[in-house]
Amino acid sequence: MIIEKAKSYGFCFGVKRAVEIAENSKNAVTLGPLIHNPLEIERLKKEFNVGYVDDIDFIDENIKRVIIRTHGIPKDKLKLLKEKRVEIVDATCPFVKKPQEIVENMSKEGYDIVIFGDENHPEVKGVKSYCVHNRVFVVLKKEELFSIKLKEKIAVVAQTTRKIETYLNIVSYLVKSYKEVRVFNTICNATFENQNAVKELSEKSD
């Protein structure tokens, strides 16, 4: 048997950054798992006493330092966290903050917001929360837009780890159907590189 590694794999920039932040923030908790990697979460707990809680309600007077996970948190939860008067260490990936800022700014300008992603994913929940009105729609494929009546001004962002091909299908439909569509490519470069490496490797592997 021959085992070959993909050209690109492993932790992306945002995850590496978050792990380093956690290692330098001993005796803390993260609000939700820091990253999607149970083994690394366990290592951080064992070596640096960095655990996690699932909700702000579990943060009591014994907790002095809270780390915001790579995926970010909803805007209202950040406000509640600040009211807890704990030290807040922000490990939100900069590439996740980008769609948060776009959604906030474009919604302030009156654009309907379309987010390509999984509505139940913590990153998407956070991004969605930055919309200043209720005209925000989360979809995983273009067909979900067929039953939604959007305004003529639309801004589109993507969850950072989604496939570009599906995003292009959604964008293509919107551009053909509406007068003004502002498209922001918020898919992370590391995602592109990993997806392309897997595709390349799969074509020559059995």
C-alpha atoms as a PDB file:
ATOM      1  CA  MET A   1       0.000   0.000   0.000  1.00  0.00           C
ATOM      2  CA  ILE A   2       1.244   3.490  -0.912  1.00  0.00           C
ATOM      3  CA  ILE A   3       0.103   6.385   1.270  1.00  0.00           C
ATOM      4  CA  GLU A   4       0.410   9.816  -0.291  1.00  0.00           C
ATOM      5  CA  LYS A   5      -0.270  13.111   1.436  1.00  0.00           C
ATOM      6  CA  ALA A   6      -2.137  15.943  -0.255  1.00  0.00           C
ATOM      7  CA  LYS A   7      -0.090  19.021  -1.163  1.00  0.00           C
ATOM      8  CA  SER A   8      -2.166  21.142   1.202  1.00  0.00           C
ATOM      9  CA  TYR A   9      -3.666  19.902   4.462  1.00  0.00           C
ATOM     10  CA  GLY A  10      -3.769  20.534   8.192  1.00  0.00           C
ATOM     11  CA  PHE A  11      -4.608  23.601  10.248  1.00  0.00           C
ATOM     12  CA  CYS A  12      -5.340  26.807   8.377  1.00  0.00           C
ATOM     13  CA  PHE A  13      -4.040  30.223   9.434  1.00  0.00           C
ATOM     14  CA  GLY A  14      -7.120  31.017  11.544  1.00  0.00           C
ATOM     15  CA  VAL A  15      -6.953  27.744  13.477  1.00  0.00           C
ATOM     16  CA  LYS A  16      -3.200  28.010  14.076  1.00  0.00           C
ATOM     17  CA  ARG A  17      -3.729  31.557  15.339  1.00  0.00           C
ATOM     18  CA  ALA A  18      -6.559  30.498  17.661  1.00  0.00           C
ATOM     19  CA  VAL A  19      -4.542  27.611  19.134  1.00  0.00           C
ATOM     20  CA  GLU A  20      -1.613  29.948  19.826  1.00  0.00           C
ATOM     21  CA  ILE A  21      -3.962  32.441  21.481  1.00  0.00           C
ATOM     22  CA  ALA A  22      -5.401  29.669  23.666  1.00  0.00           C
ATOM     23  CA  GLU A  23      -1.933  28.428  24.633  1.00  0.00           C
ATOM     24  CA  ASN A  24      -1.087  31.964  25.770  1.00  0.00           C
ATOM     25  CA  SER A  25      -4.380  32.344  27.683  1.00  0.00           C
ATOM     26  CA  LYS A  26      -4.056  29.690  30.368  1.00  0.00           C
ATOM     27  CA  ASN A  27      -6.857  29.033  32.873  1.00  0.00           C
ATOM     28  CA  ALA A  28      -9.614  30.141  30.543  1.00  0.00           C
ATOM     29  CA  VAL A  29     -12.731  28.830  28.834  1.00  0.00           C
ATOM     30  CA  THR A  30     -13.861  29.217  25.249  1.00  0.00           C
ATOM     31  CA  LEU A  31     -17.470  29.988  24.410  1.00  0.00           C
ATOM     32  CA  GLY A  32     -18.209  26.858  22.430  1.00  0.00           C
ATOM     33  CA  PRO A  33     -15.378  24.607  21.142  1.00  0.00           C
ATOM     34  CA  LEU A  34     -12.452  26.728  19.958  1.00  0.00           C
ATOM     35  CA  ILE A  35     -12.122  24.704  16.716  1.00  0.00           C
ATOM     36  CA  HIS A  36     -13.664  21.576  15.158  1.00  0.00           C
ATOM     37  CA  ASN A  37     -11.053  19.191  16.544  1.00  0.00           C
ATOM     38  CA  PRO A  38     -11.866  17.213  19.716  1.00  0.00           C
ATOM     39  CA  LEU A  39      -8.291  15.930  20.144  1.00  0.00           C
ATOM     40  CA  GLU A  40      -6.865  19.451  20.088  1.00  0.00           C
ATOM     41  CA  ILE A  41      -9.604  20.673  22.456  1.00  0.00           C
ATOM     42  CA  GLU A  42      -8.615  17.901  24.866  1.00  0.00           C
ATOM     43  CA  ARG A  43      -4.907  18.799  24.565  1.00  0.00           C
ATOM     44  CA  LEU A  44      -5.603  22.451  25.365  1.00  0.00           C
ATOM     45  CA  LYS A  45      -7.612  21.405  28.413  1.00  0.00           C
ATOM     46  CA  LYS A  46      -4.914  19.044  29.666  1.00  0.00           C
ATOM     47  CA  GLU A  47      -1.835  21.188  28.998  1.00  0.00           C
ATOM     48  CA  PHE A  48      -3.137  24.741  29.401  1.00  0.00           C
ATOM     49  CA  ASN A  49      -6.366  24.373  31.426  1.00  0.00           C
ATOM     50  CA  VAL A  50      -8.386  25.867  28.591  1.00  0.00           C
ATOM     51  CA  GLY A  51     -11.828  24.299  28.665  1.00  0.00           C
ATOM     52  CA  TYR A  52     -15.089  25.393  27.087  1.00  0.00           C
ATOM     53  CA  VAL A  53     -18.683  26.143  27.961  1.00  0.00           C
ATOM     54  CA  ASP A  54     -21.616  25.793  25.600  1.00  0.00           C
ATOM     55  CA  ASP A  55     -23.411  28.970  26.585  1.00  0.00           C
ATOM     56  CA  ILE A  56     -22.922  32.295  28.357  1.00  0.00           C
ATOM     57  CA  ASP A  57     -25.266  31.124  31.119  1.00  0.00           C
ATOM     58  CA  PHE A  58     -22.520  28.727  32.287  1.00  0.00           C
ATOM     59  CA  ILE A  59     -20.051  31.571  32.857  1.00  0.00           C
ATOM     60  CA  ASP A  60     -20.075  32.249  36.605  1.00  0.00           C
ATOM     61  CA  GLU A  61     -17.950  34.274  39.030  1.00  0.00           C
ATOM     62  CA  ASN A  62     -15.271  31.552  39.042  1.00  0.00           C
ATOM     63  CA  ILE A  63     -14.475  32.176  35.370  1.00  0.00           C
ATOM     64  CA  LYS A  64     -12.230  35.181  34.816  1.00  0.00           C
ATOM     65  CA  ARG A  65     -11.137  34.781  31.184  1.00  0.00           C
ATOM     66  CA  VAL A  66     -13.212  33.827  28.122  1.00  0.00           C
ATOM     67  CA  ILE A  67     -11.866  33.122  24.637  1.00  0.00           C
ATOM     68  CA  ILE A  68     -14.086  33.761  21.622  1.00  0.00           C
ATOM     69  CA  ARG A  69     -13.855  30.793  19.281  1.00  0.00           C
ATOM     70  CA  THR A  70     -12.460  30.938  15.717  1.00  0.00           C
ATOM     71  CA  HIS A  71     -15.981  31.007  14.273  1.00  0.00           C
ATOM     72  CA  GLY A  72     -16.934  34.123  16.219  1.00  0.00           C
ATOM     73  CA  ILE A  73     -20.140  34.547  18.212  1.00  0.00           C
ATOM     74  CA  PRO A  74     -23.425  36.376  17.545  1.00  0.00           C
ATOM     75  CA  LYS A  75     -23.387  40.101  18.211  1.00  0.00           C
ATOM     76  CA  ASP A  76     -25.951  39.900  21.032  1.00  0.00           C
ATOM     77  CA  LYS A  77     -23.908  37.222  22.815  1.00  0.00           C
ATOM     78  CA  LEU A  78     -20.814  39.403  22.603  1.00  0.00           C
ATOM     79  CA  LYS A  79     -22.791  42.174  24.297  1.00  0.00           C
ATOM     80  CA  LEU A  80     -23.905  39.794  27.072  1.00  0.00           C
ATOM     81  CA  LEU A  81     -20.345  38.544  27.479  1.00  0.00           C
ATOM     82  CA  LYS A  82     -19.079  42.087  27.992  1.00  0.00           C
ATOM     83  CA  GLU A  83     -21.684  42.543  30.737  1.00  0.00           C
ATOM     84  CA  LYS A  84     -20.149  39.582  32.589  1.00  0.00           C
ATOM     85  CA  ARG A  85     -17.051  41.723  33.276  1.00  0.00           C
ATOM     86  CA  VAL A  86     -14.628  38.961  32.358  1.00  0.00           C
ATOM     87  CA  GLU A  87     -11.432  39.289  30.373  1.00  0.00           C
ATOM     88  CA  ILE A  88     -12.352  38.663  26.737  1.00  0.00           C
ATOM     89  CA  VAL A  89      -9.732  37.187  24.413  1.00  0.00           C
ATOM     90  CA  ASP A  90     -10.884  37.338  20.793  1.00  0.00           C
ATOM     91  CA  ALA A  91      -9.680  34.383  18.705  1.00  0.00           C
ATOM     92  CA  THR A  92     -12.185  34.976  15.901  1.00  0.00           C
ATOM     93  CA  CYS A  93     -10.502  34.251  12.584  1.00  0.00           C
ATOM     94  CA  PRO A  94      -9.865  37.498  10.644  1.00  0.00           C
ATOM     95  CA  PHE A  95     -11.365  35.827   7.573  1.00  0.00           C
ATOM     96  CA  VAL A  96     -14.591  35.280   9.546  1.00  0.00           C
ATOM     97  CA  LYS A  97     -14.675  38.890  10.719  1.00  0.00           C
ATOM     98  CA  LYS A  98     -14.657  40.027   7.098  1.00  0.00           C
ATOM     99  CA  PRO A  99     -18.187  38.753   6.247  1.00  0.00           C
ATOM    100  CA  GLN A 100     -19.424  40.044   9.620  1.00  0.00           C
ATOM    101  CA  GLU A 101     -18.300  43.549   8.654  1.00  0.00           C
ATOM    102  CA  ILE A 102     -19.690  43.246   5.121  1.00  0.00           C
ATOM    103  CA  VAL A 103     -23.111  42.130   6.339  1.00  0.00           C
ATOM    104  CA  GLU A 104     -23.282  44.953   8.866  1.00  0.00           C
ATOM    105  CA  ASN A 105     -22.215  47.640   6.388  1.00  0.00           C
ATOM    106  CA  MET A 106     -24.294  46.460   3.434  1.00  0.00           C
ATOM    107  CA  SER A 107     -27.430  45.971   5.533  1.00  0.00           C
ATOM    108  CA  LYS A 108     -27.016  49.535   6.834  1.00  0.00           C
ATOM    109  CA  GLU A 109     -27.094  50.651   3.194  1.00  0.00           C
ATOM    110  CA  GLY A 110     -30.422  48.884   2.698  1.00  0.00           C
ATOM    111  CA  TYR A 111     -29.275  45.760   0.883  1.00  0.00           C
ATOM    112  CA  ASP A 112     -30.984  42.413   1.326  1.00  0.00           C
ATOM    113  CA  ILE A 113     -28.384  39.928   2.561  1.00  0.00           C
ATOM    114  CA  VAL A 114     -27.884  36.442   1.167  1.00  0.00           C
ATOM    115  CA  ILE A 115     -25.479  34.154   3.009  1.00  0.00           C
ATOM    116  CA  PHE A 116     -24.280  30.956   1.354  1.00  0.00           C
ATOM    117  CA  GLY A 117     -23.757  28.519   4.204  1.00  0.00           C
ATOM    118  CA  ASP A 118     -25.205  26.266   6.875  1.00  0.00           C
ATOM    119  CA  GLU A 119     -27.648  28.198   9.050  1.00  0.00           C
ATOM    120  CA  ASN A 120     -26.820  25.987  12.055  1.00  0.00           C
ATOM    121  CA  HIS A 121     -23.063  26.524  11.824  1.00  0.00           C
ATOM    122  CA  PRO A 122     -21.646  28.856  14.518  1.00  0.00           C
ATOM    123  CA  GLU A 123     -19.809  30.967  11.933  1.00  0.00           C
ATOM    124  CA  VAL A 124     -22.989  31.621   9.964  1.00  0.00           C
ATOM    125  CA  LYS A 125     -24.979  32.370  13.121  1.00  0.00           C
ATOM    126  CA  GLY A 126     -22.400  34.996  13.991  1.00  0.00           C
ATOM    127  CA  VAL A 127     -22.302  36.544  10.510  1.00  0.00           C
ATOM    128  CA  LYS A 128     -26.106  36.626  10.269  1.00  0.00           C
ATOM    129  CA  SER A 129     -26.363  38.467  13.592  1.00  0.00           C
ATOM    130  CA  TYR A 130     -24.549  41.499  12.143  1.00  0.00           C
ATOM    131  CA  CYS A 131     -27.422  42.270   9.768  1.00  0.00           C
ATOM    132  CA  VAL A 132     -29.204  45.389  11.061  1.00  0.00           C
ATOM    133  CA  HIS A 133     -32.591  44.383   9.624  1.00  0.00           C
ATOM    134  CA  ASN A 134     -34.499  41.126   9.180  1.00  0.00           C
ATOM    135  CA  ARG A 135     -33.932  40.821   5.422  1.00  0.00           C
ATOM    136  CA  VAL A 136     -31.208  38.189   5.700  1.00  0.00           C
ATOM    137  CA  PHE A 137     -31.457  34.774   4.038  1.00  0.00           C
ATOM    138  CA  VAL A 138     -29.193  31.755   4.498  1.00  0.00           C
ATOM    139  CA  VAL A 139     -29.107  29.177   1.690  1.00  0.00           C
ATOM    140  CA  LEU A 140     -27.071  26.115   0.734  1.00  0.00           C
ATOM    141  CA  LYS A 141     -28.113  26.004  -2.939  1.00  0.00           C
ATOM    142  CA  LYS A 142     -29.664  28.309  -5.517  1.00  0.00           C
ATOM    143  CA  GLU A 143     -32.957  26.391  -5.562  1.00  0.00           C
ATOM    144  CA  GLU A 144     -33.698  27.687  -2.067  1.00  0.00           C
ATOM    145  CA  LEU A 145     -33.835  31.203  -3.520  1.00  0.00           C
ATOM    146  CA  PHE A 146     -36.634  30.384  -5.966  1.00  0.00           C
ATOM    147  CA  SER A 147     -39.329  30.895  -3.325  1.00  0.00           C
ATOM    148  CA  ILE A 148     -37.760  34.043  -1.813  1.00  0.00           C
ATOM    149  CA  LYS A 149     -38.722  37.478  -3.118  1.00  0.00           C
ATOM    150  CA  LEU A 150     -35.680  39.674  -2.709  1.00  0.00           C
ATOM    151  CA  LYS A 151     -35.318  43.428  -3.160  1.00  0.00           C
ATOM    152  CA  GLU A 152     -33.463  44.769  -6.178  1.00  0.00           C
ATOM    153  CA  LYS A 153     -30.372  45.501  -4.043  1.00  0.00           C
ATOM    154  CA  ILE A 154     -28.658  42.343  -2.780  1.00  0.00           C
ATOM    155  CA  ALA A 155     -25.324  41.663  -1.102  1.00  0.00           C
ATOM    156  CA  VAL A 156     -23.973  38.112  -1.061  1.00  0.00           C
ATOM    157  CA  VAL A 157     -21.347  36.544   1.201  1.00  0.00           C
ATOM    158  CA  ALA A 158     -20.242  32.959   1.781  1.00  0.00           C
ATOM    159  CA  GLN A 159     -19.331  30.857   4.778  1.00  0.00           C
ATOM    160  CA  THR A 160     -15.529  30.717   4.673  1.00  0.00           C
ATOM    161  CA  THR A 161     -15.302  26.940   4.190  1.00  0.00           C
ATOM    162  CA  ARG A 162     -17.823  26.452   1.386  1.00  0.00           C
ATOM    163  CA  LYS A 163     -17.217  25.228  -2.176  1.00  0.00           C
ATOM    164  CA  ILE A 164     -16.679  27.939  -4.780  1.00  0.00           C
ATOM    165  CA  GLU A 165     -18.596  26.014  -7.489  1.00  0.00           C
ATOM    166  CA  THR A 166     -21.845  26.097  -5.519  1.00  0.00           C
ATOM    167  CA  TYR A 167     -21.295  29.740  -4.609  1.00  0.00           C
ATOM    168  CA  LEU A 168     -20.893  30.619  -8.286  1.00  0.00           C
ATOM    169  CA  ASN A 169     -24.212  28.893  -9.075  1.00  0.00           C
ATOM    170  CA  ILE A 170     -25.972  30.979  -6.445  1.00  0.00           C
ATOM    171  CA  VAL A 171     -24.322  34.192  -7.601  1.00  0.00           C
ATOM    172  CA  SER A 172     -25.090  33.451 -11.255  1.00  0.00           C
ATOM    173  CA  TYR A 173     -28.784  32.984 -10.465  1.00  0.00           C
ATOM    174  CA  LEU A 174     -28.950  36.237  -8.500  1.00  0.00           C
ATOM    175  CA  VAL A 175     -27.145  38.261 -11.173  1.00  0.00           C
ATOM    176  CA  LYS A 176     -29.558  36.995 -13.838  1.00  0.00           C
ATOM    177  CA  SER A 177     -32.625  37.647 -11.661  1.00  0.00           C
ATOM    178  CA  TYR A 178     -31.978  40.995  -9.943  1.00  0.00           C
ATOM    179  CA  LYS A 179     -30.750  44.449 -10.951  1.00  0.00           C
ATOM    180  CA  GLU A 180     -28.006  45.080  -8.390  1.00  0.00           C
ATOM    181  CA  VAL A 181     -26.007  42.260  -6.796  1.00  0.00           C
ATOM    182  CA  ARG A 182     -22.897  42.972  -4.737  1.00  0.00           C
ATOM    183  CA  VAL A 183     -20.807  39.798  -4.526  1.00  0.00           C
ATOM    184  CA  PHE A 184     -18.095  39.329  -1.905  1.00  0.00           C
ATOM    185  CA  ASN A 185     -15.761  36.359  -2.133  1.00  0.00           C
ATOM    186  CA  THR A 186     -15.388  35.465   1.544  1.00  0.00           C
ATOM    187  CA  ILE A 187     -14.327  31.851   1.016  1.00  0.00           C
ATOM    188  CA  CYS A 188     -10.937  31.362   2.668  1.00  0.00           C
ATOM    189  CA  ASN A 189      -7.889  30.725   0.445  1.00  0.00           C
ATOM    190  CA  ALA A 190      -6.897  27.796   2.659  1.00  0.00           C
ATOM    191  CA  THR A 191     -10.236  26.194   1.808  1.00  0.00           C
ATOM    192  CA  PHE A 192      -9.515  26.582  -1.914  1.00  0.00           C
ATOM    193  CA  GLU A 193      -6.059  25.067  -1.527  1.00  0.00           C
ATOM    194  CA  ASN A 194      -7.227  22.091   0.551  1.00  0.00           C
ATOM    195  CA  GLN A 195     -10.179  21.361  -1.745  1.00  0.00           C
ATOM    196  CA  ASN A 196      -8.001  21.522  -4.861  1.00  0.00           C
ATOM    197  CA  ALA A 197      -5.346  19.304  -3.247  1.00  0.00           C
ATOM    198  CA  VAL A 198      -7.949  16.676  -2.332  1.00  0.00           C
ATOM    199  CA  LYS A 199      -9.426  16.795  -5.843  1.00  0.00           C
ATOM    200  CA  GLU A 200      -6.013  16.360  -7.418  1.00  0.00           C
ATOM    201  CA  LEU A 201      -5.082  13.483  -5.111  1.00  0.00           C
ATOM    202  CA  SER A 202      -8.445  11.715  -5.566  1.00  0.00           C
ATOM    203  CA  GLU A 203      -8.007  11.650  -9.350  1.00  0.00           C
ATOM    204  CA  LYS A 204      -4.925   9.428  -9.075  1.00  0.00           C
ATOM    205  CA  SER A 205      -5.873   7.337  -6.025  1.00  0.00           C
ATOM    206  CA  ASP A 206      -7.942   4.165  -5.941  1.00  0.00           C
END
